[in-house]
Amino acid sequence: MLILKKVVIEALSGCEGCEVSILDLGEELLTLLKQIEIIHAPIIMDSKHFDPFSNDLEIKIPRADIGILSGSIRTEENLEVARAVRENCDIVIANGTCACMGGIHSIANVMPLDSVKEGICPADSGADKYHLPKVTNRVISLNEVMEVDIYLPGCPPPVSMFVDAIKCVLEGRDFELPNDTVCNDCPKTKEKRTVFSDKGLPFPEMLRPLEPVELEDRCLFEQGYFCMGAATRSGCGGVCMKMDMPCRGCMGPRRIEENPRAELLGSLAVYGYTLRDVHDRRAAFNWFTGAHNNLRPIR
């Protein structure tokens, strides 16, 4: 008789798009469901952290073989849930860039906590009466507070990567992330010089991604767009660049806690740009990787 692996799925602070994207597995999901049993997943089933009719408010997670956690830690409740999953699951998977590196909302780490609170819930808003969870001082990734066994970066992670990770766990194999860069996955031509130097023109101000791309087959960085591909882990297939959209780094750097800024500074220098030429440069290098103290308030 086949013994199904018990699975817990939890979402912390995030958009829960990583959970919804699991449906993109299509028929592959039906195959996986023959080998796993989802025993706790508040997004799809009535599965609570504690008995609402009891005075015991300790967060409880059922014992499971696999815990899939998405979202980052922004509240004290998030922290409790994450630790409960770690305590009760043999293998913990950080699902998505928020769980791995903070995610897009970790840009909030550039602001002092008081400023963030005042912008969302001003003191005179009356929000205190709703007993909202206490907010942490900054947005935190999972591996800053607990051990993580498998990382699945991406916003959301590529479906094939998710399937591969689950199959590795089920078959007792080690899971490894791709270790190349998105730049090397990009189909666009790289000439190692800008299109402006081709025409004998001076370097212009860097372009914003809303401005139309002039040459569909030429490297976007070489056309003046700030592109994170050279410092971002491969695995997504370079889908953004194929649609003429510069990489924003949602797969994160090749080493989870690394700050991609140093590697990008090298790419800027190759084409004659400097840090000052980058729009919104405080956050531009860390749109998705603001945890691990990569983004901090200016003091």
C-alpha atoms as a PDB file:
ATOM      1  CA  MET A   1       0.000   0.000   0.000  1.00  0.00           C
ATOM      2  CA  LEU A   2       1.355   3.425  -0.992  1.00  0.00           C
ATOM      3  CA  ILE A   3       1.958   5.688   2.016  1.00  0.00           C
ATOM      4  CA  LEU A   4       1.183   9.283   1.074  1.00  0.00           C
ATOM      5  CA  LYS A   5       3.542  12.052   2.148  1.00  0.00           C
ATOM      6  CA  LYS A   6       1.715  14.511   4.392  1.00  0.00           C
ATOM      7  CA  VAL A   7       2.012  18.142   3.242  1.00  0.00           C
ATOM      8  CA  VAL A   8       1.396  21.451   5.030  1.00  0.00           C
ATOM      9  CA  ILE A   9       0.973  24.626   2.950  1.00  0.00           C
ATOM     10  CA  GLU A  10       1.150  27.998   4.709  1.00  0.00           C
ATOM     11  CA  ALA A  11       1.213  31.609   3.475  1.00  0.00           C
ATOM     12  CA  LEU A  12       2.811  34.374   5.538  1.00  0.00           C
ATOM     13  CA  SER A  13       2.950  38.025   4.391  1.00  0.00           C
ATOM     14  CA  GLY A  14       2.611  38.168   0.627  1.00  0.00           C
ATOM     15  CA  CYS A  15       0.086  38.049  -2.185  1.00  0.00           C
ATOM     16  CA  GLU A  16      -0.474  34.249  -2.002  1.00  0.00           C
ATOM     17  CA  GLY A  17       0.274  34.109  -5.727  1.00  0.00           C
ATOM     18  CA  CYS A  18       2.749  31.288  -5.082  1.00  0.00           C
ATOM     19  CA  GLU A  19      -0.100  29.113  -3.786  1.00  0.00           C
ATOM     20  CA  VAL A  20      -2.392  30.028  -6.678  1.00  0.00           C
ATOM     21  CA  SER A  21       0.387  29.279  -9.175  1.00  0.00           C
ATOM     22  CA  ILE A  22       0.429  25.652  -8.004  1.00  0.00           C
ATOM     23  CA  LEU A  23      -2.763  25.292 -10.039  1.00  0.00           C
ATOM     24  CA  ASP A  24      -0.650  26.037 -13.122  1.00  0.00           C
ATOM     25  CA  LEU A  25       0.749  22.522 -12.739  1.00  0.00           C
ATOM     26  CA  GLY A  26      -2.381  21.312 -14.516  1.00  0.00           C
ATOM     27  CA  GLU A  27      -2.428  17.540 -14.971  1.00  0.00           C
ATOM     28  CA  GLU A  28       0.946  17.305 -13.213  1.00  0.00           C
ATOM     29  CA  LEU A  29      -0.832  18.367 -10.024  1.00  0.00           C
ATOM     30  CA  LEU A  30      -3.214  15.411 -10.321  1.00  0.00           C
ATOM     31  CA  THR A  31      -0.211  13.102 -10.576  1.00  0.00           C
ATOM     32  CA  LEU A  32       1.389  14.623  -7.471  1.00  0.00           C
ATOM     33  CA  LEU A  33      -1.851  14.356  -5.517  1.00  0.00           C
ATOM     34  CA  LYS A  34      -1.644  10.578  -5.907  1.00  0.00           C
ATOM     35  CA  GLN A  35       1.559  10.664  -3.829  1.00  0.00           C
ATOM     36  CA  ILE A  36       0.826  13.392  -1.262  1.00  0.00           C
ATOM     37  CA  GLU A  37      -1.912  14.273   1.190  1.00  0.00           C
ATOM     38  CA  ILE A  38      -2.477  17.955   1.930  1.00  0.00           C
ATOM     39  CA  ILE A  39      -3.465  18.047   5.591  1.00  0.00           C
ATOM     40  CA  HIS A  40      -3.252  21.787   6.274  1.00  0.00           C
ATOM     41  CA  ALA A  41      -3.663  24.625   3.772  1.00  0.00           C
ATOM     42  CA  PRO A  42      -5.813  27.566   4.956  1.00  0.00           C
ATOM     43  CA  ILE A  43      -6.004  29.020   1.439  1.00  0.00           C
ATOM     44  CA  ILE A  44      -7.979  25.998   0.147  1.00  0.00           C
ATOM     45  CA  MET A  45      -9.448  24.263   3.206  1.00  0.00           C
ATOM     46  CA  ASP A  46     -10.948  24.984   6.602  1.00  0.00           C
ATOM     47  CA  SER A  47      -7.756  24.455   8.571  1.00  0.00           C
ATOM     48  CA  LYS A  48      -7.234  26.748  11.555  1.00  0.00           C
ATOM     49  CA  HIS A  49      -4.198  27.459  13.716  1.00  0.00           C
ATOM     50  CA  PHE A  50      -6.158  26.937  16.934  1.00  0.00           C
ATOM     51  CA  ASP A  51      -9.633  26.074  18.183  1.00  0.00           C
ATOM     52  CA  PRO A  52     -11.692  29.311  17.957  1.00  0.00           C
ATOM     53  CA  PHE A  53     -13.833  28.099  20.872  1.00  0.00           C
ATOM     54  CA  SER A  54     -10.852  27.495  23.158  1.00  0.00           C
ATOM     55  CA  ASN A  55      -8.842  29.904  25.282  1.00  0.00           C
ATOM     56  CA  ASP A  56      -5.654  28.249  24.041  1.00  0.00           C
ATOM     57  CA  LEU A  57      -4.290  30.616  21.368  1.00  0.00           C
ATOM     58  CA  GLU A  58      -1.019  28.782  20.748  1.00  0.00           C
ATOM     59  CA  ILE A  59      -0.530  28.270  17.002  1.00  0.00           C
ATOM     60  CA  LYS A  60      -0.574  24.577  16.137  1.00  0.00           C
ATOM     61  CA  ILE A  61       0.525  22.963  12.869  1.00  0.00           C
ATOM     62  CA  PRO A  62      -0.128  19.249  12.270  1.00  0.00           C
ATOM     63  CA  ARG A  63       2.817  16.877  11.949  1.00  0.00           C
ATOM     64  CA  ALA A  64       3.850  16.486   8.291  1.00  0.00           C
ATOM     65  CA  ASP A  65       6.613  15.266   6.008  1.00  0.00           C
ATOM     66  CA  ILE A  66       6.759  18.452   3.921  1.00  0.00           C
ATOM     67  CA  GLY A  67       6.040  22.063   4.879  1.00  0.00           C
ATOM     68  CA  ILE A  68       5.658  24.556   2.030  1.00  0.00           C
ATOM     69  CA  LEU A  69       5.971  28.154   3.236  1.00  0.00           C
ATOM     70  CA  SER A  70       5.452  31.212   1.065  1.00  0.00           C
ATOM     71  CA  GLY A  71       5.522  34.888   1.958  1.00  0.00           C
ATOM     72  CA  SER A  72       7.961  36.674   4.228  1.00  0.00           C
ATOM     73  CA  ILE A  73       7.764  37.541   7.915  1.00  0.00           C
ATOM     74  CA  ARG A  74       6.211  40.964   8.578  1.00  0.00           C
ATOM     75  CA  THR A  75       4.267  40.261  11.783  1.00  0.00           C
ATOM     76  CA  GLU A  76       4.856  38.425  15.050  1.00  0.00           C
ATOM     77  CA  GLU A  77       2.107  36.012  14.021  1.00  0.00           C
ATOM     78  CA  ASN A  78       4.016  35.217  10.799  1.00  0.00           C
ATOM     79  CA  LEU A  79       7.037  34.390  12.928  1.00  0.00           C
ATOM     80  CA  GLU A  80       5.028  32.046  15.168  1.00  0.00           C
ATOM     81  CA  VAL A  81       3.493  30.249  12.177  1.00  0.00           C
ATOM     82  CA  ALA A  82       6.868  29.833  10.449  1.00  0.00           C
ATOM     83  CA  ARG A  83       8.474  28.367  13.558  1.00  0.00           C
ATOM     84  CA  ALA A  84       5.535  26.035  14.107  1.00  0.00           C
ATOM     85  CA  VAL A  85       5.869  24.738  10.533  1.00  0.00           C
ATOM     86  CA  ARG A  86       9.614  24.207  11.042  1.00  0.00           C
ATOM     87  CA  GLU A  87       9.027  22.362  14.308  1.00  0.00           C
ATOM     88  CA  ASN A  88       6.405  20.020  12.866  1.00  0.00           C
ATOM     89  CA  CYS A  89       7.642  19.359   9.327  1.00  0.00           C
ATOM     90  CA  ASP A  90      10.593  17.177   8.378  1.00  0.00           C
ATOM     91  CA  ILE A  91      11.412  19.187   5.248  1.00  0.00           C
ATOM     92  CA  VAL A  92      10.639  22.898   4.851  1.00  0.00           C
ATOM     93  CA  ILE A  93      10.450  24.475   1.404  1.00  0.00           C
ATOM     94  CA  ALA A  94      10.737  28.262   1.044  1.00  0.00           C
ATOM     95  CA  ASN A  95       8.320  28.772  -1.834  1.00  0.00           C
ATOM     96  CA  GLY A  96       8.810  32.037  -3.715  1.00  0.00           C
ATOM     97  CA  THR A  97      11.100  35.021  -3.464  1.00  0.00           C
ATOM     98  CA  CYS A  98       9.301  36.510  -0.443  1.00  0.00           C
ATOM     99  CA  ALA A  99      10.113  33.419   1.606  1.00  0.00           C
ATOM    100  CA  CYS A 100      13.663  33.180   0.219  1.00  0.00           C
ATOM    101  CA  MET A 101      14.785  36.821   0.180  1.00  0.00           C
ATOM    102  CA  GLY A 102      12.027  39.136   1.393  1.00  0.00           C
ATOM    103  CA  GLY A 103      10.190  39.766  -1.856  1.00  0.00           C
ATOM    104  CA  ILE A 104       8.880  42.953  -3.416  1.00  0.00           C
ATOM    105  CA  HIS A 105       7.372  44.307  -0.189  1.00  0.00           C
ATOM    106  CA  SER A 106      10.766  44.132   1.543  1.00  0.00           C
ATOM    107  CA  ILE A 107      11.414  47.472  -0.177  1.00  0.00           C
ATOM    108  CA  ALA A 108       9.659  48.762   2.964  1.00  0.00           C
ATOM    109  CA  ASN A 109      12.934  48.044   4.761  1.00  0.00           C
ATOM    110  CA  VAL A 110      14.335  51.324   3.433  1.00  0.00           C
ATOM    111  CA  MET A 111      11.926  53.177   5.733  1.00  0.00           C
ATOM    112  CA  PRO A 112      11.859  53.359   9.548  1.00  0.00           C
ATOM    113  CA  LEU A 113       9.058  51.267  11.012  1.00  0.00           C
ATOM    114  CA  ASP A 114       7.259  54.311  12.448  1.00  0.00           C
ATOM    115  CA  SER A 115       7.043  55.846   8.973  1.00  0.00           C
ATOM    116  CA  VAL A 116       5.655  52.617   7.519  1.00  0.00           C
ATOM    117  CA  LYS A 117       2.997  52.397  10.233  1.00  0.00           C
ATOM    118  CA  GLU A 118       1.990  56.027   9.857  1.00  0.00           C
ATOM    119  CA  GLY A 119       1.638  55.631   6.105  1.00  0.00           C
ATOM    120  CA  ILE A 120      -0.632  52.592   6.418  1.00  0.00           C
ATOM    121  CA  CYS A 121      -2.509  53.135   9.690  1.00  0.00           C
ATOM    122  CA  PRO A 122      -2.177  56.704  10.987  1.00  0.00           C
ATOM    123  CA  ALA A 123      -2.453  57.088  14.755  1.00  0.00           C
ATOM    124  CA  ASP A 124      -5.919  58.641  14.450  1.00  0.00           C
ATOM    125  CA  SER A 125      -7.294  55.925  12.112  1.00  0.00           C
ATOM    126  CA  GLY A 126      -8.789  53.845  14.928  1.00  0.00           C
ATOM    127  CA  ALA A 127      -6.991  50.697  13.703  1.00  0.00           C
ATOM    128  CA  ASP A 128      -5.981  49.776  17.265  1.00  0.00           C
ATOM    129  CA  LYS A 129      -9.485  48.525  18.058  1.00  0.00           C
ATOM    130  CA  TYR A 130      -9.085  45.662  15.547  1.00  0.00           C
ATOM    131  CA  HIS A 131      -6.301  43.939  17.521  1.00  0.00           C
ATOM    132  CA  LEU A 132      -4.031  43.611  14.480  1.00  0.00           C
ATOM    133  CA  PRO A 133      -0.914  41.404  14.751  1.00  0.00           C
ATOM    134  CA  LYS A 134       2.204  43.203  15.958  1.00  0.00           C
ATOM    135  CA  VAL A 135       4.497  44.232  13.126  1.00  0.00           C
ATOM    136  CA  THR A 136       8.152  43.182  13.083  1.00  0.00           C
ATOM    137  CA  ASN A 137      10.848  45.851  12.813  1.00  0.00           C
ATOM    138  CA  ARG A 138      11.570  44.866   9.221  1.00  0.00           C
ATOM    139  CA  VAL A 139      10.574  42.355   6.548  1.00  0.00           C
ATOM    140  CA  ILE A 140      12.407  39.083   7.270  1.00  0.00           C
ATOM    141  CA  SER A 141      13.099  36.051   5.077  1.00  0.00           C
ATOM    142  CA  LEU A 142      12.667  32.533   6.451  1.00  0.00           C
ATOM    143  CA  ASN A 143      16.320  31.553   6.745  1.00  0.00           C
ATOM    144  CA  GLU A 144      17.012  34.542   8.983  1.00  0.00           C
ATOM    145  CA  VAL A 145      15.022  32.886  11.778  1.00  0.00           C
ATOM    146  CA  MET A 146      14.993  29.155  10.934  1.00  0.00           C
ATOM    147  CA  GLU A 147      16.612  26.437   8.885  1.00  0.00           C
ATOM    148  CA  VAL A 148      15.317  26.013   5.329  1.00  0.00           C
ATOM    149  CA  ASP A 149      15.863  22.768   3.406  1.00  0.00           C
ATOM    150  CA  ILE A 150      14.862  23.793  -0.123  1.00  0.00           C
ATOM    151  CA  TYR A 151      14.679  27.225  -1.747  1.00  0.00           C
ATOM    152  CA  LEU A 152      12.344  27.929  -4.674  1.00  0.00           C
ATOM    153  CA  PRO A 153      12.905  31.557  -5.740  1.00  0.00           C
ATOM    154  CA  GLY A 154      10.728  33.366  -8.250  1.00  0.00           C
ATOM    155  CA  CYS A 155       7.637  35.553  -8.231  1.00  0.00           C
ATOM    156  CA  PRO A 156       6.108  33.016  -8.422  1.00  0.00           C
ATOM    157  CA  PRO A 157       8.602  30.140  -8.812  1.00  0.00           C
ATOM    158  CA  PRO A 158       8.626  28.472 -12.257  1.00  0.00           C
ATOM    159  CA  VAL A 159       6.159  25.585 -12.288  1.00  0.00           C
ATOM    160  CA  SER A 160       8.786  23.120 -13.530  1.00  0.00           C
ATOM    161  CA  MET A 161      11.050  24.036 -10.607  1.00  0.00           C
ATOM    162  CA  PHE A 162       8.263  23.418  -8.080  1.00  0.00           C
ATOM    163  CA  VAL A 163       7.477  20.001  -9.596  1.00  0.00           C
ATOM    164  CA  ASP A 164      11.144  19.029  -9.665  1.00  0.00           C
ATOM    165  CA  ALA A 165      11.586  19.955  -5.993  1.00  0.00           C
ATOM    166  CA  ILE A 166       8.553  17.944  -4.858  1.00  0.00           C
ATOM    167  CA  LYS A 167       9.619  14.930  -6.933  1.00  0.00           C
ATOM    168  CA  CYS A 168      13.107  15.085  -5.433  1.00  0.00           C
ATOM    169  CA  VAL A 169      11.625  14.978  -1.928  1.00  0.00           C
ATOM    170  CA  LEU A 170       9.279  12.116  -2.802  1.00  0.00           C
ATOM    171  CA  GLU A 171      12.096  10.104  -4.403  1.00  0.00           C
ATOM    172  CA  GLY A 172      14.696  10.911  -1.752  1.00  0.00           C
ATOM    173  CA  ARG A 173      16.961  12.838  -4.146  1.00  0.00           C
ATOM    174  CA  ASP A 174      18.796  16.114  -3.524  1.00  0.00           C
ATOM    175  CA  PHE A 175      17.290  19.177  -5.195  1.00  0.00           C
ATOM    176  CA  GLU A 176      19.628  21.714  -6.779  1.00  0.00           C
ATOM    177  CA  LEU A 177      18.809  25.149  -8.151  1.00  0.00           C
ATOM    178  CA  PRO A 178      20.224  26.340 -11.498  1.00  0.00           C
ATOM    179  CA  ASN A 179      23.492  28.191 -10.963  1.00  0.00           C
ATOM    180  CA  ASP A 180      23.676  30.262 -14.156  1.00  0.00           C
ATOM    181  CA  THR A 181      22.355  33.793 -14.722  1.00  0.00           C
ATOM    182  CA  VAL A 182      19.235  35.004 -16.492  1.00  0.00           C
ATOM    183  CA  CYS A 183      21.548  36.991 -18.770  1.00  0.00           C
ATOM    184  CA  ASN A 184      22.837  33.733 -20.234  1.00  0.00           C
ATOM    185  CA  ASP A 185      19.266  32.512 -20.785  1.00  0.00           C
ATOM    186  CA  CYS A 186      18.317  35.691 -22.654  1.00  0.00           C
ATOM    187  CA  PRO A 187      17.966  35.216 -26.437  1.00  0.00           C
ATOM    188  CA  LYS A 188      18.867  38.825 -27.245  1.00  0.00           C
ATOM    189  CA  THR A 189      22.178  39.641 -28.949  1.00  0.00           C
ATOM    190  CA  LYS A 190      24.986  41.109 -26.831  1.00  0.00           C
ATOM    191  CA  GLU A 191      27.632  43.207 -28.579  1.00  0.00           C
ATOM    192  CA  LYS A 192      29.448  44.357 -25.407  1.00  0.00           C
ATOM    193  CA  ARG A 193      28.821  47.970 -26.360  1.00  0.00           C
ATOM    194  CA  THR A 194      25.778  50.245 -26.311  1.00  0.00           C
ATOM    195  CA  VAL A 195      23.690  51.084 -29.348  1.00  0.00           C
ATOM    196  CA  PHE A 196      24.586  54.722 -28.703  1.00  0.00           C
ATOM    197  CA  SER A 197      28.302  54.062 -29.073  1.00  0.00           C
ATOM    198  CA  ASP A 198      27.493  52.249 -32.323  1.00  0.00           C
ATOM    199  CA  LYS A 199      26.162  55.575 -33.624  1.00  0.00           C
ATOM    200  CA  GLY A 200      28.924  57.664 -32.107  1.00  0.00           C
ATOM    201  CA  LEU A 201      26.526  59.235 -29.612  1.00  0.00           C
ATOM    202  CA  PRO A 202      27.225  60.018 -25.923  1.00  0.00           C
ATOM    203  CA  PHE A 203      25.657  57.871 -23.193  1.00  0.00           C
ATOM    204  CA  PRO A 204      22.117  59.103 -22.503  1.00  0.00           C
ATOM    205  CA  GLU A 205      20.210  58.916 -19.252  1.00  0.00           C
ATOM    206  CA  MET A 206      19.119  55.349 -18.521  1.00  0.00           C
ATOM    207  CA  LEU A 207      15.678  54.549 -19.878  1.00  0.00           C
ATOM    208  CA  ARG A 208      12.701  53.419 -17.820  1.00  0.00           C
ATOM    209  CA  PRO A 209      11.029  50.139 -18.861  1.00  0.00           C
ATOM    210  CA  LEU A 210       7.816  51.931 -19.895  1.00  0.00           C
ATOM    211  CA  GLU A 211       9.667  53.492 -22.822  1.00  0.00           C
ATOM    212  CA  PRO A 212       9.395  51.455 -26.064  1.00  0.00           C
ATOM    213  CA  VAL A 213      12.241  49.155 -27.077  1.00  0.00           C
ATOM    214  CA  GLU A 214      13.822  50.226 -30.355  1.00  0.00           C
ATOM    215  CA  LEU A 215      15.644  47.000 -31.288  1.00  0.00           C
ATOM    216  CA  GLU A 216      13.795  43.782 -30.415  1.00  0.00           C
ATOM    217  CA  ASP A 217      16.823  41.492 -30.848  1.00  0.00           C
ATOM    218  CA  ARG A 218      19.446  43.586 -29.043  1.00  0.00           C
ATOM    219  CA  CYS A 219      20.416  43.348 -25.358  1.00  0.00           C
ATOM    220  CA  LEU A 220      18.210  45.679 -23.301  1.00  0.00           C
ATOM    221  CA  PHE A 221      21.128  46.843 -21.160  1.00  0.00           C
ATOM    222  CA  GLU A 222      22.953  47.854 -24.321  1.00  0.00           C
ATOM    223  CA  GLN A 223      19.899  49.909 -25.315  1.00  0.00           C
ATOM    224  CA  GLY A 224      20.049  51.888 -22.071  1.00  0.00           C
ATOM    225  CA  TYR A 225      17.629  49.945 -19.855  1.00  0.00           C
ATOM    226  CA  PHE A 226      18.630  48.901 -16.348  1.00  0.00           C
ATOM    227  CA  CYS A 227      18.419  45.097 -16.447  1.00  0.00           C
ATOM    228  CA  MET A 228      19.200  42.777 -13.513  1.00  0.00           C
ATOM    229  CA  GLY A 229      19.815  39.705 -15.673  1.00  0.00           C
ATOM    230  CA  ALA A 230      23.580  39.634 -15.153  1.00  0.00           C
ATOM    231  CA  ALA A 231      23.181  39.251 -11.361  1.00  0.00           C
ATOM    232  CA  THR A 232      20.016  37.113 -11.241  1.00  0.00           C
ATOM    233  CA  ARG A 233      19.764  33.331 -10.983  1.00  0.00           C
ATOM    234  CA  SER A 234      18.551  31.514 -14.077  1.00  0.00           C
ATOM    235  CA  GLY A 235      15.621  29.109 -14.089  1.00  0.00           C
ATOM    236  CA  CYS A 236      12.837  31.380 -15.304  1.00  0.00           C
ATOM    237  CA  GLY A 237      13.753  31.024 -18.965  1.00  0.00           C
ATOM    238  CA  GLY A 238      14.269  34.767 -19.391  1.00  0.00           C
ATOM    239  CA  VAL A 239      10.557  35.249 -20.056  1.00  0.00           C
ATOM    240  CA  CYS A 240      10.566  38.975 -19.233  1.00  0.00           C
ATOM    241  CA  MET A 241      13.332  39.795 -21.707  1.00  0.00           C
ATOM    242  CA  LYS A 242      11.545  37.782 -24.384  1.00  0.00           C
ATOM    243  CA  MET A 243       8.663  40.245 -23.912  1.00  0.00           C
ATOM    244  CA  ASP A 244      11.075  43.243 -24.107  1.00  0.00           C
ATOM    245  CA  MET A 245      10.866  43.845 -20.368  1.00  0.00           C
ATOM    246  CA  PRO A 246      14.174  44.205 -18.463  1.00  0.00           C
ATOM    247  CA  CYS A 247      14.820  41.667 -15.733  1.00  0.00           C
ATOM    248  CA  ARG A 248      13.893  42.986 -12.285  1.00  0.00           C
ATOM    249  CA  GLY A 249      15.635  40.197 -10.397  1.00  0.00           C
ATOM    250  CA  CYS A 250      12.703  38.196  -8.997  1.00  0.00           C
ATOM    251  CA  MET A 251      14.772  34.971  -8.997  1.00  0.00           C
ATOM    252  CA  GLY A 252      17.309  36.661  -6.740  1.00  0.00           C
ATOM    253  CA  PRO A 253      21.097  36.251  -6.816  1.00  0.00           C
ATOM    254  CA  ARG A 254      22.840  32.900  -7.256  1.00  0.00           C
ATOM    255  CA  ARG A 255      23.607  32.838  -3.520  1.00  0.00           C
ATOM    256  CA  ILE A 256      20.468  33.387  -1.464  1.00  0.00           C
ATOM    257  CA  GLU A 257      21.809  35.970   0.998  1.00  0.00           C
ATOM    258  CA  GLU A 258      23.990  37.815  -1.500  1.00  0.00           C
ATOM    259  CA  ASN A 259      23.406  41.459  -2.407  1.00  0.00           C
ATOM    260  CA  PRO A 260      23.346  41.682  -6.245  1.00  0.00           C
ATOM    261  CA  ARG A 261      24.583  45.285  -6.217  1.00  0.00           C
ATOM    262  CA  ALA A 262      28.301  44.443  -6.517  1.00  0.00           C
ATOM    263  CA  GLU A 263      27.812  42.267  -9.591  1.00  0.00           C
ATOM    264  CA  LEU A 264      25.547  44.841 -11.243  1.00  0.00           C
ATOM    265  CA  LEU A 265      28.058  47.624 -10.677  1.00  0.00           C
ATOM    266  CA  GLY A 266      30.420  45.678 -12.905  1.00  0.00           C
ATOM    267  CA  SER A 267      27.820  45.501 -15.684  1.00  0.00           C
ATOM    268  CA  LEU A 268      27.152  49.225 -15.396  1.00  0.00           C
ATOM    269  CA  ALA A 269      30.861  49.981 -15.694  1.00  0.00           C
ATOM    270  CA  VAL A 270      31.213  47.863 -18.852  1.00  0.00           C
ATOM    271  CA  TYR A 271      28.755  50.119 -20.630  1.00  0.00           C
ATOM    272  CA  GLY A 272      30.009  53.393 -19.193  1.00  0.00           C
ATOM    273  CA  TYR A 273      27.233  53.921 -16.648  1.00  0.00           C
ATOM    274  CA  THR A 274      27.657  54.638 -12.950  1.00  0.00           C
ATOM    275  CA  LEU A 275      25.511  54.075  -9.882  1.00  0.00           C
ATOM    276  CA  ARG A 276      24.185  57.624 -10.198  1.00  0.00           C
ATOM    277  CA  ASP A 277      22.651  56.799 -13.586  1.00  0.00           C
ATOM    278  CA  VAL A 278      20.242  54.217 -12.113  1.00  0.00           C
ATOM    279  CA  HIS A 279      16.696  55.415 -11.380  1.00  0.00           C
ATOM    280  CA  ASP A 280      15.494  54.758  -7.817  1.00  0.00           C
ATOM    281  CA  ARG A 281      18.903  53.263  -7.123  1.00  0.00           C
ATOM    282  CA  ARG A 282      18.348  52.659  -3.397  1.00  0.00           C
ATOM    283  CA  ALA A 283      15.820  49.948  -4.174  1.00  0.00           C
ATOM    284  CA  ALA A 284      16.552  49.171  -7.836  1.00  0.00           C
ATOM    285  CA  PHE A 285      19.248  46.616  -7.013  1.00  0.00           C
ATOM    286  CA  ASN A 286      17.032  44.906  -4.433  1.00  0.00           C
ATOM    287  CA  TRP A 287      13.468  45.033  -5.726  1.00  0.00           C
ATOM    288  CA  PHE A 288      12.940  41.480  -4.480  1.00  0.00           C
ATOM    289  CA  THR A 289      15.864  40.959  -2.092  1.00  0.00           C
ATOM    290  CA  GLY A 290      15.441  43.506   0.694  1.00  0.00           C
ATOM    291  CA  ALA A 291      15.803  40.987   3.532  1.00  0.00           C
ATOM    292  CA  HIS A 292      19.190  39.944   4.992  1.00  0.00           C
ATOM    293  CA  ASN A 293      19.805  43.658   5.695  1.00  0.00           C
ATOM    294  CA  ASN A 294      20.270  44.335   1.981  1.00  0.00           C
ATOM    295  CA  LEU A 295      17.890  47.285   2.439  1.00  0.00           C
ATOM    296  CA  ARG A 296      17.999  49.427   5.573  1.00  0.00           C
ATOM    297  CA  PRO A 297      16.675  52.842   6.589  1.00  0.00           C
ATOM    298  CA  ILE A 298      18.941  55.829   6.046  1.00  0.00           C
ATOM    299  CA  ARG A 299      20.157  57.061   9.392  1.00  0.00           C
END
